[in-house]
Amino acid sequence: MSRPRLRLTLLLVSLAFCSQTALTQGQLNYWQKPDGKGGQLGEENLSSYPQRTALADSGAGLNTRAQSQPGAVARQPTATEKLEYGLRRAFVSPEAYLFYGMSTALTQAHEKSQPQKNTGDKFVDDITRYAITFGTGSTKALLASGVYPILFNEDPKYKWSRRQTFRARLLHAVSRVVITENSEGKQKPNFSLLAGDVTAASLANFWERNTAGHRRTGAEPTLKRLGLMVGFDAVRFVLLKEFGSSIKRKLLRK
């Protein structure tokens, strides 16, 4: 990989991580208040709830406010809220656009050199690759976080581990790829995420294109895309969701 593209990729990774942790901390959480009255708990009401605390020395981590507050029960999002959440993840989230750029840079860096193409041709190739990556990523986000959670009666938002040891939290984060909660708060297979991955990996065959030395359509490339999506989901849950706030705090201390 050339040095300019390597620097660009590292920059995109850093920006994506910072944007995701900022979004995670800034999101509104739906809880039922201790007095039993339902409603949306905004930032202005968080002062009365225990904040997530880091136990860095013991390898422990962060608890959600709802888990820390006795009697607080999570209010499950409605179908409209799920769809809005999916649309935000697909088309509004800065994290998504940054990762699409990172993926585009990595893919294009591994393309075989074609001397017959001028700078304009290469620019068009880069834009086309970004559009393809955006199409696949936004399809996955909308289906896995919006449409399928409605159909399968699942909550698309990540739930932090109730445990505090590093190992328990790590296993919890990885398991969220295949386990989630339904609208009653009971654990069940994560059909929404897995179906979103399968659908997006398959639909990508309509807009993907084969290039010199790289076959991207057909059964084998589809399975490879699916494996990468599932693997990325696990990494995202571990680094950005479960441990994101802890990592950010440690980086800011240095």
Protein backbone atom coordinates (compact mmCIF):
# COMPACT_ATOMS: atom_id res chain seq x y z
CA MET A 1 0.00 0.00 0.00
CA SER A 2 1.34 3.45 -0.88
CA ARG A 3 2.21 5.81 1.96
CA PRO A 4 -0.39 8.47 1.06
CA ARG A 5 -3.17 5.89 1.05
CA LEU A 6 -1.85 4.33 4.26
CA ARG A 7 -1.93 7.74 5.97
CA LEU A 8 -5.43 8.33 4.63
CA THR A 9 -6.60 4.97 5.96
CA LEU A 10 -5.14 5.61 9.43
CA LEU A 11 -6.76 9.05 9.49
CA LEU A 12 -10.12 7.60 8.53
CA VAL A 13 -9.83 4.92 11.22
CA SER A 14 -9.09 7.55 13.88
CA LEU A 15 -11.93 9.82 12.77
CA ALA A 16 -14.35 6.91 12.59
CA PHE A 17 -13.45 5.77 16.10
CA CYS A 18 -13.83 9.27 17.56
CA SER A 19 -17.14 9.88 15.79
CA GLN A 20 -18.56 6.55 16.91
CA THR A 21 -17.62 7.00 20.56
CA ALA A 22 -19.02 10.52 20.49
CA LEU A 23 -22.26 9.26 18.97
CA THR A 24 -22.48 6.45 21.50
CA GLN A 25 -22.14 8.86 24.40
CA GLY A 26 -24.51 11.39 22.85
CA GLN A 27 -27.33 9.02 21.96
CA LEU A 28 -30.60 9.26 23.87
CA ASN A 29 -31.43 6.13 25.81
CA TYR A 30 -34.97 4.93 26.32
CA TRP A 31 -35.59 4.01 29.93
CA GLN A 32 -38.57 3.88 32.17
CA LYS A 33 -37.97 6.16 35.08
CA PRO A 34 -37.88 4.70 38.62
CA ASP A 35 -41.31 6.17 39.35
CA GLY A 36 -42.74 3.85 36.69
CA LYS A 37 -43.59 6.60 34.21
CA GLY A 38 -42.46 5.87 30.70
CA GLY A 39 -40.71 8.34 28.52
CA GLN A 40 -37.57 9.34 26.77
CA LEU A 41 -34.69 10.07 29.10
CA GLY A 42 -32.78 12.95 27.59
CA GLU A 43 -29.40 14.38 28.49
CA GLU A 44 -31.00 16.91 30.79
CA ASN A 45 -32.24 14.10 33.05
CA LEU A 46 -29.04 12.11 33.28
CA SER A 47 -27.62 14.00 36.23
CA SER A 48 -29.78 11.99 38.64
CA TYR A 49 -28.57 8.67 37.28
CA PRO A 50 -25.26 6.99 38.11
CA GLN A 51 -22.77 7.58 35.33
CA ARG A 52 -20.85 4.77 33.66
CA THR A 53 -17.57 4.34 35.56
CA ALA A 54 -14.32 2.78 34.42
CA LEU A 55 -12.47 0.26 36.58
CA ALA A 56 -9.34 0.23 34.47
CA ASP A 57 -7.00 -1.32 37.02
CA SER A 58 -9.13 -4.43 37.45
CA GLY A 59 -9.90 -4.74 33.76
CA ALA A 60 -13.52 -3.98 34.52
CA GLY A 61 -15.58 -1.55 32.62
CA LEU A 62 -18.74 0.36 32.10
CA ASN A 63 -22.30 -0.30 33.11
CA THR A 64 -25.30 1.25 31.44
CA ARG A 65 -27.28 3.76 33.40
CA ALA A 66 -30.34 1.53 33.38
CA GLN A 67 -28.41 -1.38 34.84
CA SER A 68 -26.89 0.86 37.50
CA GLN A 69 -30.21 2.38 38.53
CA PRO A 70 -32.40 0.07 40.66
CA GLY A 71 -35.89 -0.21 39.26
CA ALA A 72 -35.07 1.30 35.90
CA VAL A 73 -36.49 -0.76 33.06
CA ALA A 74 -35.56 -0.21 29.44
CA ARG A 75 -38.40 1.01 27.26
CA GLN A 76 -38.28 -0.84 23.96
CA PRO A 77 -38.34 1.34 20.82
CA THR A 78 -41.42 1.42 18.65
CA ALA A 79 -41.49 0.36 15.00
CA THR A 80 -41.15 4.00 13.93
CA GLU A 81 -38.17 4.53 16.22
CA LYS A 82 -36.50 1.38 14.89
CA LEU A 83 -36.94 2.54 11.31
CA GLU A 84 -35.62 6.01 12.16
CA TYR A 85 -32.63 4.42 13.88
CA GLY A 86 -31.93 2.29 10.81
CA LEU A 87 -32.18 5.31 8.51
CA ARG A 88 -29.78 7.29 10.73
CA ARG A 89 -27.26 4.46 10.77
CA ALA A 90 -27.53 4.05 7.00
CA PHE A 91 -27.47 7.65 5.80
CA VAL A 92 -26.68 10.09 8.63
CA SER A 93 -23.99 8.47 10.79
CA PRO A 94 -20.53 10.05 10.23
CA GLU A 95 -19.04 6.72 11.31
CA ALA A 96 -20.56 5.05 8.25
CA TYR A 97 -19.19 7.53 5.72
CA LEU A 98 -15.73 7.40 7.28
CA PHE A 99 -15.63 3.62 7.22
CA TYR A 100 -16.86 3.58 3.63
CA GLY A 101 -13.93 5.84 2.78
CA MET A 102 -11.53 3.60 4.69
CA SER A 103 -12.83 0.50 2.92
CA THR A 104 -12.59 2.24 -0.45
CA ALA A 105 -8.97 3.28 0.20
CA LEU A 106 -7.99 -0.26 1.23
CA THR A 107 -9.73 -1.86 -1.74
CA GLN A 108 -8.29 0.53 -4.29
CA ALA A 109 -4.80 0.19 -2.80
CA HIS A 110 -4.87 -3.53 -3.61
CA GLU A 111 -6.07 -3.08 -7.18
CA LYS A 112 -3.62 -4.03 -9.91
CA SER A 113 -1.93 -1.10 -11.59
CA GLN A 114 -3.33 -0.29 -15.04
CA PRO A 115 -0.90 2.03 -16.87
CA GLN A 116 -3.42 2.85 -19.60
CA LYS A 117 -5.58 4.74 -17.10
CA ASN A 118 -4.93 8.43 -16.48
CA THR A 119 -5.63 10.40 -13.29
CA GLY A 120 -9.21 11.10 -14.33
CA ASP A 121 -9.91 7.41 -14.91
CA LYS A 122 -8.47 6.50 -11.53
CA PHE A 123 -10.55 9.18 -9.84
CA VAL A 124 -13.71 7.78 -11.45
CA ASP A 125 -12.70 4.30 -10.28
CA ASP A 126 -12.29 5.59 -6.71
CA ILE A 127 -15.70 7.31 -6.76
CA THR A 128 -17.33 4.21 -8.24
CA ARG A 129 -15.78 1.99 -5.58
CA TYR A 130 -17.00 4.38 -2.85
CA ALA A 131 -20.54 4.27 -4.30
CA ILE A 132 -20.46 0.46 -4.37
CA THR A 133 -19.21 0.31 -0.78
CA PHE A 134 -21.84 2.84 0.29
CA GLY A 135 -24.60 0.84 -1.41
CA THR A 136 -23.64 -2.36 0.38
CA GLY A 137 -23.04 -0.70 3.76
CA SER A 138 -26.20 1.41 3.78
CA THR A 139 -28.30 -1.58 2.71
CA LYS A 140 -26.92 -3.62 5.61
CA ALA A 141 -27.42 -0.79 8.13
CA LEU A 142 -31.00 -0.05 7.08
CA LEU A 143 -32.07 -3.68 7.03
CA ALA A 144 -30.18 -4.89 10.13
CA SER A 145 -30.96 -1.84 12.30
CA GLY A 146 -34.35 -0.77 10.99
CA VAL A 147 -36.42 -3.08 8.81
CA TYR A 148 -35.58 -6.52 10.18
CA PRO A 149 -35.83 -5.51 13.87
CA ILE A 150 -39.44 -4.57 13.12
CA LEU A 151 -40.17 -7.84 11.36
CA PHE A 152 -38.40 -10.01 13.95
CA ASN A 153 -39.56 -7.99 16.98
CA GLU A 154 -35.98 -7.25 18.13
CA ASP A 155 -34.24 -4.25 19.67
CA PRO A 156 -31.47 -3.12 17.26
CA LYS A 157 -29.49 -1.12 19.83
CA TYR A 158 -26.45 -2.56 21.55
CA LYS A 159 -26.85 -3.48 25.22
CA TRP A 160 -23.74 -3.18 27.40
CA SER A 161 -22.68 -6.13 29.53
CA ARG A 162 -23.85 -6.31 33.14
CA ARG A 163 -20.57 -8.00 34.05
CA GLN A 164 -17.42 -6.03 34.88
CA THR A 165 -14.51 -8.35 34.13
CA PHE A 166 -12.67 -7.89 30.84
CA ARG A 167 -13.22 -11.49 29.72
CA ALA A 168 -16.95 -11.41 30.46
CA ARG A 169 -17.41 -8.13 28.62
CA LEU A 170 -15.37 -9.36 25.65
CA LEU A 171 -17.44 -12.53 25.35
CA HIS A 172 -20.63 -10.52 25.74
CA ALA A 173 -19.65 -8.12 22.94
CA VAL A 174 -18.71 -10.90 20.52
CA SER A 175 -21.87 -12.88 21.34
CA ARG A 176 -24.07 -9.90 20.37
CA VAL A 177 -23.42 -10.85 16.74
CA VAL A 178 -25.68 -13.88 17.20
CA ILE A 179 -27.68 -12.96 20.34
CA THR A 180 -29.96 -9.97 20.95
CA GLU A 181 -33.12 -9.07 22.86
CA ASN A 182 -36.71 -8.97 21.70
CA SER A 183 -39.21 -6.27 22.61
CA GLU A 184 -39.89 -8.01 25.94
CA GLY A 185 -36.21 -7.91 26.90
CA LYS A 186 -35.68 -11.66 26.46
CA GLN A 187 -32.60 -13.00 24.72
CA LYS A 188 -32.99 -14.61 21.32
CA PRO A 189 -30.95 -15.26 18.16
CA ASN A 190 -29.98 -12.03 16.43
CA PHE A 191 -31.97 -12.70 13.27
CA SER A 192 -32.00 -9.01 12.33
CA LEU A 193 -28.24 -8.60 12.15
CA LEU A 194 -27.56 -11.95 10.52
CA ALA A 195 -30.37 -11.50 7.97
CA GLY A 196 -29.13 -7.98 7.25
CA ASP A 197 -25.63 -9.31 6.59
CA VAL A 198 -26.89 -12.10 4.33
CA THR A 199 -29.21 -9.80 2.37
CA ALA A 200 -26.64 -7.04 1.89
CA ALA A 201 -23.90 -9.49 0.88
CA SER A 202 -26.26 -11.03 -1.69
CA LEU A 203 -27.70 -7.78 -3.09
CA ALA A 204 -24.16 -6.47 -3.61
CA ASN A 205 -23.94 -8.77 -6.64
CA PHE A 206 -26.23 -6.35 -8.49
CA TRP A 207 -23.81 -3.41 -8.25
CA GLU A 208 -20.42 -5.02 -7.64
CA ARG A 209 -18.02 -5.36 -10.56
CA ASN A 210 -15.11 -7.65 -11.26
CA THR A 211 -11.72 -6.05 -11.83
CA ALA A 212 -8.35 -7.33 -12.98
CA GLY A 213 -7.35 -10.12 -10.59
CA HIS A 214 -10.42 -9.64 -8.35
CA ARG A 215 -13.70 -11.53 -8.73
CA ARG A 216 -16.45 -9.87 -6.71
CA THR A 217 -19.68 -11.43 -8.00
CA GLY A 218 -20.91 -14.96 -7.56
CA ALA A 219 -21.29 -17.44 -4.71
CA GLU A 220 -17.72 -17.43 -3.40
CA PRO A 221 -17.32 -13.61 -3.27
CA THR A 222 -20.75 -13.38 -1.62
CA LEU A 223 -19.73 -15.78 1.15
CA LYS A 224 -16.48 -13.86 1.59
CA ARG A 225 -18.39 -10.59 1.93
CA LEU A 226 -20.71 -12.21 4.45
CA GLY A 227 -17.77 -13.44 6.53
CA LEU A 228 -16.19 -9.99 6.50
CA MET A 229 -19.47 -8.38 7.58
CA VAL A 230 -19.93 -10.75 10.51
CA GLY A 231 -16.29 -10.28 11.53
CA PHE A 232 -16.60 -6.51 11.35
CA ASP A 233 -19.77 -6.63 13.45
CA ALA A 234 -17.83 -8.45 16.18
CA VAL A 235 -14.94 -5.96 16.05
CA ARG A 236 -17.34 -3.01 16.11
CA PHE A 237 -19.19 -4.37 19.14
CA VAL A 238 -15.93 -4.96 21.03
CA LEU A 239 -13.92 -1.82 20.19
CA LEU A 240 -16.58 0.80 19.55
CA LYS A 241 -19.53 -0.31 21.65
CA GLU A 242 -18.43 -2.27 24.71
CA PHE A 243 -14.96 -0.78 25.25
CA GLY A 244 -15.20 2.39 23.15
CA SER A 245 -15.66 4.83 26.02
CA SER A 246 -12.88 3.22 28.07
CA ILE A 247 -10.43 3.35 25.16
CA LYS A 248 -11.32 6.95 24.40
CA ARG A 249 -10.74 8.00 28.01
CA LYS A 250 -7.34 6.29 28.11
CA LEU A 251 -6.28 7.91 24.84
CA LEU A 252 -7.34 11.36 26.04
CA ARG A 253 -5.32 10.98 29.25
CA LYS A 254 -2.07 10.60 27.29
